[in-house]
Protein backbone atom coordinates (compact mmCIF):
# COMPACT_ATOMS: atom_id res chain seq x y z
CA SER A 1 -15.07 114.26 110.31
CA ALA A 2 -16.97 111.39 108.73
CA THR A 3 -16.94 113.18 105.35
CA LEU A 4 -13.21 113.85 105.54
CA TYR A 5 -12.55 110.23 106.54
CA HIS A 6 -14.63 109.01 103.58
CA GLN A 7 -12.76 111.30 101.18
CA ALA A 8 -9.39 110.22 102.56
CA THR A 9 -10.35 106.55 102.21
CA GLU A 10 -11.44 107.04 98.61
CA ARG A 11 -8.22 108.89 97.80
CA ALA A 12 -6.12 106.14 99.38
CA SER A 13 -7.95 103.50 97.35
CA HIS A 14 -7.43 105.59 94.23
CA ILE A 15 -3.69 105.87 94.83
CA GLN A 16 -3.39 102.15 95.64
CA ALA A 17 -5.23 101.16 92.47
CA LEU A 18 -3.04 103.40 90.29
CA SER A 19 0.07 102.03 92.01
CA ASN A 20 -1.07 98.48 91.23
CA LEU A 21 -1.76 99.46 87.62
CA ALA A 22 1.75 100.90 87.30
CA ARG A 23 3.17 97.55 88.41
CA ILE A 24 1.02 95.78 85.83
CA VAL A 25 2.40 98.06 83.10
CA ALA A 26 5.92 96.92 83.93
CA SER A 27 5.24 93.19 84.30
CA VAL A 28 2.71 91.82 81.79
CA VAL A 29 3.81 90.34 78.46
CA ASP A 30 0.37 89.61 76.98
CA LEU A 31 -2.36 92.11 76.04
CA ARG A 32 -5.27 89.95 77.21
CA GLU A 33 -3.52 89.39 80.51
CA ALA A 34 -2.96 93.14 80.80
CA PHE A 35 -6.62 93.91 80.08
CA ALA A 36 -7.87 91.44 82.70
CA ALA A 37 -5.45 92.80 85.30
CA PHE A 38 -6.48 96.39 84.52
CA ALA A 39 -10.18 95.50 84.78
CA GLU A 40 -9.67 93.91 88.20
CA GLU A 41 -7.98 97.03 89.53
CA VAL A 42 -10.35 99.52 87.87
CA ARG A 43 -13.29 97.89 89.67
CA TRP A 44 -11.95 99.52 92.85
CA LEU A 45 -12.15 102.93 91.17
CA ILE A 46 -15.27 102.62 89.02
CA PRO A 47 -17.82 99.83 89.58
CA PHE A 48 -19.07 98.07 86.43
CA ASP A 49 -20.93 94.96 85.31
CA ARG A 50 -18.67 94.16 82.37
CA ALA A 51 -15.46 95.61 80.99
CA VAL A 52 -14.86 95.46 77.24
CA MET A 53 -11.74 96.24 75.25
CA LEU A 54 -12.29 97.20 71.62
CA LEU A 55 -9.41 97.26 69.14
CA LEU A 56 -9.22 99.54 66.10
CA ASP A 57 -7.52 98.59 62.86
CA GLU A 58 -4.50 100.50 61.59
CA SER A 59 -6.66 102.88 59.53
CA GLU A 60 -9.02 103.51 62.49
CA GLN A 61 -11.97 102.67 60.23
CA GLU A 62 -13.07 99.41 61.85
CA VAL A 63 -13.45 98.20 65.42
CA GLN A 64 -13.99 94.81 67.05
CA PRO A 65 -14.26 93.35 70.57
CA TYR A 66 -10.90 91.99 71.73
CA ALA A 67 -11.58 90.89 75.31
CA THR A 68 -14.18 91.11 78.06
CA TYR A 69 -14.06 90.90 81.84
CA PRO A 70 -15.52 88.71 83.20
CA GLU A 71 -14.51 86.69 80.16
CA GLU A 72 -17.33 85.98 77.72
CA SER A 73 -17.84 85.93 73.97
CA LEU A 74 -19.83 88.74 72.36
CA HIS A 75 -19.98 86.92 68.97
CA ILE A 76 -19.33 90.14 67.07
CA SER A 77 -16.89 90.48 64.19
CA ARG A 78 -15.12 93.58 62.93
CA THR A 79 -17.58 96.41 62.25
CA PRO A 80 -17.31 99.94 60.79
CA LEU A 81 -16.25 102.40 63.47
CA ALA A 82 -18.53 105.16 62.18
CA ARG A 83 -21.65 103.10 63.02
CA SER A 84 -20.43 101.94 66.44
CA ILE A 85 -20.91 103.59 69.83
CA ALA A 86 -17.10 103.52 70.03
CA SER A 87 -17.06 106.45 67.58
CA ALA A 88 -18.71 108.71 70.18
CA THR A 89 -15.90 107.92 72.62
CA ILE A 90 -13.19 108.73 70.09
CA GLU A 91 -14.92 111.96 69.04
CA ALA A 92 -15.05 113.02 72.71
CA GLY A 93 -11.24 112.72 72.85
CA GLY A 94 -11.28 111.48 76.44
CA ALA A 95 -13.29 109.61 79.02
CA VAL A 96 -17.06 109.98 78.52
CA PHE A 97 -20.23 108.61 80.13
CA LEU A 98 -22.96 107.60 77.65
CA ARG A 99 -26.55 106.51 78.19
CA ARG A 100 -28.27 104.29 75.66
CA SER A 101 -31.51 106.19 76.25
CA ASP A 102 -29.89 109.40 74.98
CA GLU A 103 -31.36 110.19 71.55
CA ALA A 104 -28.00 111.60 70.41
CA TYR A 105 -26.62 108.04 70.37
CA ALA A 106 -29.75 106.15 69.31
CA HIS A 107 -28.49 105.74 65.71
CA LEU A 108 -25.25 104.05 66.80
CA ASP A 109 -24.71 100.31 67.24
CA TRP A 110 -24.42 99.42 70.94
CA GLU A 111 -24.33 95.65 70.37
CA ILE A 112 -20.55 95.68 70.22
CA LEU A 113 -20.64 96.14 74.02
CA GLY A 114 -23.27 93.44 74.55
CA PRO A 115 -27.04 93.23 74.11
CA ASP A 116 -27.88 94.25 77.68
CA VAL A 117 -25.90 97.51 77.98
CA THR A 118 -27.77 100.57 79.27
CA GLU A 119 -24.87 102.89 80.18
CA VAL A 120 -21.14 102.92 79.54
CA ALA A 121 -18.11 104.80 80.76
CA ALA A 122 -15.54 104.62 77.98
CA VAL A 123 -12.21 106.14 77.07
CA PRO A 124 -10.00 106.05 73.94
CA VAL A 125 -6.59 104.45 74.40
CA ARG A 126 -3.83 105.99 72.31
CA ASN A 127 -0.68 104.30 71.08
CA GLY A 128 1.56 107.10 69.85
CA VAL A 129 -0.40 109.32 67.45
CA ARG A 130 -3.24 106.89 66.74
CA THR A 131 -6.15 105.51 68.72
CA ALA A 132 -5.41 101.83 69.25
CA ALA A 133 -8.33 100.80 71.46
CA VAL A 134 -11.38 101.80 73.47
CA PHE A 135 -11.63 100.74 77.12
CA ALA A 136 -15.30 100.51 78.13
CA LEU A 137 -17.00 99.86 81.48
CA VAL A 138 -20.53 98.62 80.88
CA HIS A 139 -23.57 98.89 83.13
CA THR A 140 -26.59 96.70 82.48
CA ALA A 141 -28.84 98.84 84.69
CA ALA A 142 -28.99 102.60 85.21
CA VAL A 143 -26.60 103.74 87.94
CA GLY A 144 -27.77 107.33 88.04
CA VAL A 145 -24.33 108.65 89.01
CA THR A 146 -21.58 109.80 86.64
CA PRO A 147 -18.38 107.82 87.40
CA ASP A 148 -14.96 109.34 88.01
CA LEU A 149 -13.96 110.12 84.41
CA ASN A 150 -10.64 111.67 85.49
CA ALA A 151 -9.65 108.31 86.96
CA LEU A 152 -10.67 106.61 83.71
CA ASP A 153 -8.44 109.00 81.74
CA GLU A 154 -5.53 108.07 84.03
CA VAL A 155 -6.23 104.39 83.44
CA ALA A 156 -6.28 104.94 79.66
CA GLY A 157 -2.87 106.60 79.83
CA LEU A 158 -1.38 103.63 81.66
CA LEU A 159 -3.07 101.17 79.31
CA GLY A 160 -1.67 103.07 76.33
CA VAL A 161 1.83 102.75 77.78
CA THR A 162 1.21 99.04 78.30
CA ILE A 163 0.15 98.54 74.67
CA GLU A 164 3.21 100.42 73.43
CA ARG A 165 5.51 98.35 75.66
CA LEU A 166 3.92 95.09 74.48
CA ARG A 167 4.26 96.13 70.83
CA LEU A 168 7.96 96.86 71.40
CA TYR A 169 8.31 93.50 73.16
CA GLU A 170 6.67 91.71 70.24
CA ARG A 171 8.95 93.44 67.72
CA ALA A 172 12.03 92.64 69.82
CA GLU A 173 10.93 89.01 70.17
CA TYR A 174 10.35 88.75 66.41
CA SER A 175 13.74 90.33 65.62
CA ALA A 176 15.46 87.94 68.01
CA ASN A 177 13.96 84.91 66.25
CA HIS A 178 14.03 86.00 62.61
CA ASP A 179 16.65 87.07 60.11
CA LEU A 180 16.33 90.82 59.55
CA LEU A 181 17.19 90.54 55.85
CA THR A 182 14.94 87.69 54.72
CA GLY A 183 12.38 87.55 57.53
CA LEU A 184 12.97 83.80 57.85
CA PRO A 185 13.30 82.04 61.24
CA ASN A 186 16.90 82.10 62.43
CA TYR A 187 19.23 79.77 64.34
CA ARG A 188 17.84 80.76 67.74
CA PHE A 189 14.29 80.00 66.59
CA LEU A 190 15.48 76.59 65.33
CA GLN A 191 17.18 75.82 68.65
CA GLU A 192 14.01 76.67 70.60
CA ARG A 193 11.87 74.50 68.34
CA LEU A 194 14.29 71.59 68.63
CA TYR A 195 14.31 71.97 72.41
CA ASN A 196 10.51 71.79 72.45
CA LEU A 197 10.60 68.69 70.27
CA ARG A 198 13.08 67.01 72.60
CA ALA A 199 10.88 67.94 75.56
CA GLY A 200 8.07 65.88 74.05
CA ILE A 201 5.44 66.34 71.40
CA SER A 202 1.97 66.70 72.93
CA ALA A 203 -0.01 66.72 69.68
CA PRO A 204 -0.10 64.12 66.87
CA GLY A 205 1.80 64.89 63.71
CA GLU A 206 5.23 64.82 62.11
CA SER A 207 8.21 67.16 62.23
CA ALA A 208 11.04 67.69 59.77
CA VAL A 209 14.15 69.84 59.41
CA LEU A 210 14.91 71.31 55.97
CA MET A 211 18.46 72.55 55.41
CA VAL A 212 18.98 75.03 52.55
CA ASP A 213 22.44 76.00 51.29
CA MET A 214 23.38 78.54 48.62
CA ASP A 215 26.18 77.56 46.29
CA GLY A 216 28.84 80.17 45.53
CA LEU A 217 27.85 82.60 48.29
CA LYS A 218 31.35 82.65 49.78
CA ILE A 219 32.79 84.34 46.70
CA PHE A 220 30.43 87.31 47.16
CA ASN A 221 31.39 87.69 50.81
CA ASP A 222 35.13 87.32 50.18
CA THR A 223 35.41 89.57 47.12
CA LEU A 224 32.60 92.12 47.44
CA GLY A 225 31.93 92.06 51.17
CA HIS A 226 29.18 90.66 53.39
CA GLU A 227 26.76 93.44 52.43
CA ALA A 228 26.87 92.25 48.81
CA GLY A 229 26.39 88.68 50.04
CA ASP A 230 23.33 89.76 52.02
CA GLN A 231 21.88 91.45 48.97
CA GLU A 232 22.41 88.28 46.95
CA ILE A 233 20.63 86.23 49.64
CA GLY A 234 17.76 88.72 49.52
CA ARG A 235 17.42 88.34 45.75
CA ALA A 236 17.56 84.55 46.02
CA HIS A 237 14.88 84.62 48.75
CA VAL A 238 12.56 86.75 46.58
């Protein structure tokens, strides 16, 4: 009975943590905020001393620390993925538990996770067809027990959805504030900036508004259509 009760309690905690993570996916609008919230919830599933999120560049050739929990600076810049311990996680294709004492990983750079790491449970986070990040749970002393890697895979799936949603949000926010043809800030962007200026400037400095008009544009729109006018604006912008 005690064993069944313990298993039921663990399962309930597992379900509650995943439920909380699902709510985070739908609510956060910042990647660092999402990582911190995920780390807080994952602690209920898999204990750790430090959580680290590593980001890969678009070509998946370089990796760098993006955030840690608890928050601290690792003082490490972008580094080649092939020489990093993150490469072993990506090659595994899913959640994996790695020990620094294992000779198979002795040639890889562990410093990207911190100087005191002894073991790590890590999982690649995919954004569409590419690996966007590695989510790593660091131990600074040997735990002797393999963590629940299936749970870590579930977490990676939810984190991948979060990254995709945030990227879409960023693109939508950019499109709402910039002209799609020229890429320049639009009227809405100007209105928001003016509102912030009216609300009070908190930092020293000066502000100015530059108005640019294009002579003769109306004739393009009236005779050849607005598409031709847009093309002319594009050429003028270049």
